[in-house]
């Protein structure tokens, strides 16, 4: 498992070999209130799960700002390489 970043009450992760269930590049989002969901990297769609509207907007902003980073981490995850965190440098 690779934690990509934490912001406010949100933890964003990706997992090695995580291609069976969702069938497309994605990452997982967990909030402190116990909610979770999965986001598509390609278009930002929410796959299974639900989180609050505010948290969803925040994650959508991260996707826009860090799309290349998300793709890089996904490629490393499916290749079982080291998954480094995404720096909040622009946020």
N, C-alpha and C. Protein backbone atom coordinates (compact mmCIF):
# COMPACT_ATOMS: atom_id res chain seq x y z
N UNK A 1 0.84 -1.17 0.00
CA UNK A 1 0.00 0.00 0.00
C UNK A 1 0.89 1.22 0.00
N UNK A 2 0.47 2.25 -0.74
CA UNK A 2 1.23 3.47 -0.78
C UNK A 2 0.35 4.68 -0.48
N UNK A 3 0.69 5.35 0.59
CA UNK A 3 -0.02 6.58 0.90
C UNK A 3 0.50 7.67 -0.03
N UNK A 4 -0.38 8.28 -0.78
CA UNK A 4 0.01 9.33 -1.70
C UNK A 4 0.10 10.68 -1.02
N UNK A 5 -0.88 11.01 -0.21
CA UNK A 5 -0.84 12.25 0.57
C UNK A 5 -1.96 12.27 1.59
N UNK A 6 -1.82 13.22 2.53
CA UNK A 6 -2.86 13.52 3.50
C UNK A 6 -3.12 15.01 3.43
N UNK A 7 -4.38 15.36 3.47
CA UNK A 7 -4.76 16.77 3.52
C UNK A 7 -6.02 16.87 4.37
N UNK A 8 -5.99 17.75 5.34
CA UNK A 8 -7.09 17.92 6.29
C UNK A 8 -7.50 16.56 6.86
N UNK A 9 -8.74 16.13 6.68
CA UNK A 9 -9.20 14.85 7.24
C UNK A 9 -9.21 13.73 6.20
N UNK A 10 -8.39 13.87 5.16
CA UNK A 10 -8.42 12.93 4.03
C UNK A 10 -7.07 12.22 3.89
N UNK A 11 -7.13 10.92 3.66
CA UNK A 11 -5.94 10.14 3.32
C UNK A 11 -6.17 9.54 1.94
N UNK A 12 -5.19 9.67 1.07
CA UNK A 12 -5.28 9.15 -0.30
C UNK A 12 -4.21 8.09 -0.48
N UNK A 13 -4.64 6.91 -0.97
CA UNK A 13 -3.72 5.77 -1.12
C UNK A 13 -3.90 5.10 -2.48
N UNK A 14 -2.87 4.37 -2.86
CA UNK A 14 -2.96 3.46 -3.99
C UNK A 14 -2.34 2.14 -3.55
N UNK A 15 -2.69 1.06 -4.22
CA UNK A 15 -2.26 -0.27 -3.81
C UNK A 15 -1.61 -1.01 -4.97
N UNK A 16 -0.56 -1.78 -4.67
CA UNK A 16 0.06 -2.62 -5.68
C UNK A 16 -0.92 -3.68 -6.17
N UNK A 17 -0.83 -4.01 -7.44
CA UNK A 17 -1.67 -5.05 -8.07
C UNK A 17 -3.17 -4.75 -7.97
N UNK A 18 -3.57 -3.52 -7.85
CA UNK A 18 -4.98 -3.18 -7.63
C UNK A 18 -5.70 -2.95 -8.97
N UNK A 19 -5.77 -3.98 -9.79
CA UNK A 19 -6.38 -3.83 -11.12
C UNK A 19 -7.59 -4.73 -11.33
N UNK A 20 -7.87 -5.63 -10.44
CA UNK A 20 -8.96 -6.58 -10.66
C UNK A 20 -10.35 -6.00 -10.43
N UNK A 21 -10.54 -5.31 -9.34
CA UNK A 21 -11.88 -4.88 -8.96
C UNK A 21 -12.39 -3.71 -9.80
N UNK A 22 -11.57 -2.71 -10.04
CA UNK A 22 -12.04 -1.48 -10.67
C UNK A 22 -11.73 -1.39 -12.16
N UNK A 23 -10.77 -2.16 -12.64
CA UNK A 23 -10.46 -2.29 -14.07
C UNK A 23 -9.99 -1.00 -14.74
N UNK A 24 -9.67 0.01 -13.99
CA UNK A 24 -9.13 1.23 -14.57
C UNK A 24 -8.23 1.91 -13.54
N UNK A 25 -7.33 2.76 -13.99
CA UNK A 25 -6.44 3.46 -13.06
C UNK A 25 -7.25 4.28 -12.05
N UNK A 26 -6.92 4.15 -10.78
CA UNK A 26 -7.69 4.78 -9.73
C UNK A 26 -6.87 4.92 -8.46
N UNK A 27 -7.42 5.63 -7.49
CA UNK A 27 -6.83 5.71 -6.16
C UNK A 27 -7.96 5.72 -5.14
N UNK A 28 -7.62 5.43 -3.91
CA UNK A 28 -8.59 5.29 -2.83
C UNK A 28 -8.52 6.49 -1.90
N UNK A 29 -9.68 6.95 -1.44
CA UNK A 29 -9.76 8.10 -0.54
C UNK A 29 -10.49 7.67 0.74
N UNK A 30 -9.91 8.01 1.88
CA UNK A 30 -10.49 7.68 3.18
C UNK A 30 -10.59 8.96 4.00
N UNK A 31 -11.71 9.13 4.69
CA UNK A 31 -11.87 10.30 5.55
C UNK A 31 -11.94 9.87 7.01
N UNK A 32 -11.69 10.82 7.91
CA UNK A 32 -11.68 10.51 9.35
C UNK A 32 -13.04 10.08 9.87
N UNK A 33 -14.11 10.41 9.16
CA UNK A 33 -15.44 10.03 9.63
C UNK A 33 -15.86 8.64 9.15
N UNK A 34 -14.92 7.89 8.58
CA UNK A 34 -15.19 6.51 8.19
C UNK A 34 -15.69 6.32 6.76
N UNK A 35 -15.84 7.39 6.01
CA UNK A 35 -16.28 7.27 4.63
C UNK A 35 -15.09 6.99 3.73
N UNK A 36 -15.38 6.38 2.58
CA UNK A 36 -14.31 6.12 1.62
C UNK A 36 -14.90 6.03 0.23
N UNK A 37 -14.05 6.22 -0.76
CA UNK A 37 -14.46 6.04 -2.14
C UNK A 37 -13.22 5.85 -3.00
N UNK A 38 -13.46 5.59 -4.26
CA UNK A 38 -12.41 5.38 -5.23
C UNK A 38 -12.62 6.39 -6.36
N UNK A 39 -11.53 7.03 -6.80
CA UNK A 39 -11.59 7.99 -7.89
C UNK A 39 -10.85 7.46 -9.11
N UNK A 40 -11.41 7.66 -10.28
CA UNK A 40 -10.74 7.37 -11.53
C UNK A 40 -9.69 8.44 -11.78
N UNK A 41 -8.49 8.03 -12.17
CA UNK A 41 -7.45 9.00 -12.47
C UNK A 41 -7.73 9.71 -13.79
N UNK A 42 -8.25 8.98 -14.76
CA UNK A 42 -8.41 9.55 -16.09
C UNK A 42 -9.43 10.68 -16.15
N UNK A 43 -10.56 10.55 -15.46
CA UNK A 43 -11.58 11.59 -15.57
C UNK A 43 -12.13 12.07 -14.24
N UNK A 44 -11.60 11.59 -13.13
CA UNK A 44 -12.02 12.06 -11.82
C UNK A 44 -13.36 11.54 -11.34
N UNK A 45 -13.95 10.59 -12.07
CA UNK A 45 -15.23 10.02 -11.63
C UNK A 45 -15.06 9.30 -10.31
N UNK A 46 -16.11 9.37 -9.50
CA UNK A 46 -16.13 8.57 -8.29
C UNK A 46 -16.62 7.20 -8.68
N UNK A 47 -15.82 6.19 -8.40
CA UNK A 47 -16.19 4.81 -8.64
C UNK A 47 -16.95 4.37 -7.38
N UNK A 48 -16.79 3.22 -6.82
CA UNK A 48 -17.55 2.87 -5.62
C UNK A 48 -17.25 3.78 -4.43
N UNK A 49 -18.26 3.99 -3.62
CA UNK A 49 -18.10 4.72 -2.37
C UNK A 49 -18.67 6.12 -2.41
N UNK A 50 -18.55 6.78 -1.27
CA UNK A 50 -19.05 8.14 -1.16
C UNK A 50 -18.27 8.90 -0.10
N UNK A 51 -18.02 10.16 -0.37
CA UNK A 51 -17.42 11.06 0.61
C UNK A 51 -18.20 12.37 0.53
N UNK A 52 -17.93 13.26 1.45
CA UNK A 52 -18.62 14.54 1.48
C UNK A 52 -18.31 15.40 0.25
N UNK A 53 -19.20 16.33 -0.04
CA UNK A 53 -19.03 17.20 -1.21
C UNK A 53 -17.76 18.04 -1.11
N UNK A 54 -17.48 18.55 0.07
CA UNK A 54 -16.28 19.37 0.25
C UNK A 54 -15.02 18.55 -0.01
N UNK A 55 -14.97 17.35 0.54
CA UNK A 55 -13.82 16.48 0.33
C UNK A 55 -13.68 16.10 -1.14
N UNK A 56 -14.81 15.86 -1.79
CA UNK A 56 -14.77 15.51 -3.21
C UNK A 56 -14.19 16.67 -4.02
N UNK A 57 -14.60 17.88 -3.74
CA UNK A 57 -14.06 19.04 -4.47
C UNK A 57 -12.57 19.19 -4.23
N UNK A 58 -12.14 18.95 -3.01
CA UNK A 58 -10.72 19.04 -2.69
C UNK A 58 -9.91 18.01 -3.48
N UNK A 59 -10.40 16.78 -3.53
CA UNK A 59 -9.71 15.73 -4.29
C UNK A 59 -9.71 16.06 -5.78
N UNK A 60 -10.81 16.58 -6.29
CA UNK A 60 -10.87 16.96 -7.71
C UNK A 60 -9.81 18.02 -8.03
N UNK A 61 -9.60 18.96 -7.13
CA UNK A 61 -8.56 19.98 -7.32
C UNK A 61 -7.18 19.33 -7.36
N UNK A 62 -6.95 18.34 -6.49
CA UNK A 62 -5.67 17.63 -6.48
C UNK A 62 -5.47 16.89 -7.80
N UNK A 63 -6.52 16.30 -8.33
CA UNK A 63 -6.39 15.59 -9.60
C UNK A 63 -5.97 16.56 -10.70
N UNK A 64 -6.57 17.72 -10.74
CA UNK A 64 -6.23 18.72 -11.75
C UNK A 64 -4.78 19.16 -11.61
N UNK A 65 -4.36 19.46 -10.39
CA UNK A 65 -3.01 19.97 -10.15
C UNK A 65 -1.92 18.90 -10.28
N UNK A 66 -2.26 17.66 -10.01
CA UNK A 66 -1.23 16.61 -9.90
C UNK A 66 -1.51 15.40 -10.79
N UNK A 67 -2.18 15.59 -11.90
CA UNK A 67 -2.58 14.47 -12.75
C UNK A 67 -1.37 13.61 -13.16
N UNK A 68 -0.28 14.24 -13.57
CA UNK A 68 0.91 13.47 -13.96
C UNK A 68 1.45 12.67 -12.78
N UNK A 69 1.41 13.24 -11.58
CA UNK A 69 1.88 12.53 -10.39
C UNK A 69 1.00 11.31 -10.11
N UNK A 70 -0.32 11.48 -10.24
CA UNK A 70 -1.21 10.33 -10.04
C UNK A 70 -0.91 9.23 -11.05
N UNK A 71 -0.72 9.57 -12.31
CA UNK A 71 -0.40 8.56 -13.33
C UNK A 71 0.92 7.86 -13.02
N UNK A 72 1.90 8.64 -12.60
CA UNK A 72 3.21 8.07 -12.26
C UNK A 72 3.07 7.07 -11.11
N UNK A 73 2.33 7.45 -10.06
CA UNK A 73 2.16 6.55 -8.91
C UNK A 73 1.37 5.31 -9.30
N UNK A 74 0.36 5.47 -10.16
CA UNK A 74 -0.41 4.31 -10.62
C UNK A 74 0.50 3.34 -11.38
N UNK A 75 1.30 3.86 -12.30
CA UNK A 75 2.20 3.01 -13.07
C UNK A 75 3.19 2.28 -12.16
N UNK A 76 3.67 2.96 -11.14
CA UNK A 76 4.56 2.30 -10.18
C UNK A 76 3.82 1.22 -9.39
N UNK A 77 2.58 1.49 -9.01
CA UNK A 77 1.81 0.51 -8.23
C UNK A 77 1.57 -0.76 -9.02
N UNK A 78 1.16 -0.64 -10.28
CA UNK A 78 0.87 -1.85 -11.05
C UNK A 78 2.14 -2.57 -11.47
N UNK A 79 3.27 -1.88 -11.42
CA UNK A 79 4.56 -2.51 -11.71
C UNK A 79 5.25 -2.96 -10.43
N UNK A 80 4.60 -2.79 -9.31
CA UNK A 80 5.11 -3.14 -7.97
C UNK A 80 6.44 -2.47 -7.72
N UNK A 81 6.49 -1.19 -8.01
CA UNK A 81 7.65 -0.37 -7.70
C UNK A 81 7.32 0.50 -6.50
N UNK A 82 8.34 1.16 -5.99
CA UNK A 82 8.15 2.05 -4.86
C UNK A 82 7.16 3.16 -5.23
N UNK A 83 6.22 3.43 -4.33
CA UNK A 83 5.21 4.47 -4.54
C UNK A 83 5.55 5.63 -3.62
N UNK A 84 6.03 6.72 -4.20
CA UNK A 84 6.40 7.86 -3.38
C UNK A 84 5.22 8.81 -3.21
N UNK A 85 5.24 9.56 -2.12
CA UNK A 85 4.15 10.50 -1.84
C UNK A 85 4.11 11.62 -2.87
N UNK A 86 2.95 12.21 -3.02
CA UNK A 86 2.78 13.38 -3.87
C UNK A 86 2.95 14.60 -2.99
N UNK A 87 3.84 15.47 -3.37
CA UNK A 87 4.13 16.67 -2.58
C UNK A 87 3.03 17.71 -2.76
N UNK A 88 2.61 18.34 -1.67
CA UNK A 88 1.57 19.36 -1.79
C UNK A 88 2.14 20.72 -2.19
N UNK A 89 3.19 20.73 -2.96
CA UNK A 89 3.91 21.94 -3.32
C UNK A 89 3.05 23.03 -3.94
N UNK A 90 2.02 22.64 -4.66
CA UNK A 90 1.23 23.64 -5.36
C UNK A 90 -0.11 23.88 -4.70
N UNK A 91 -0.34 23.30 -3.56
CA UNK A 91 -1.65 23.39 -2.96
C UNK A 91 -1.60 24.18 -1.68
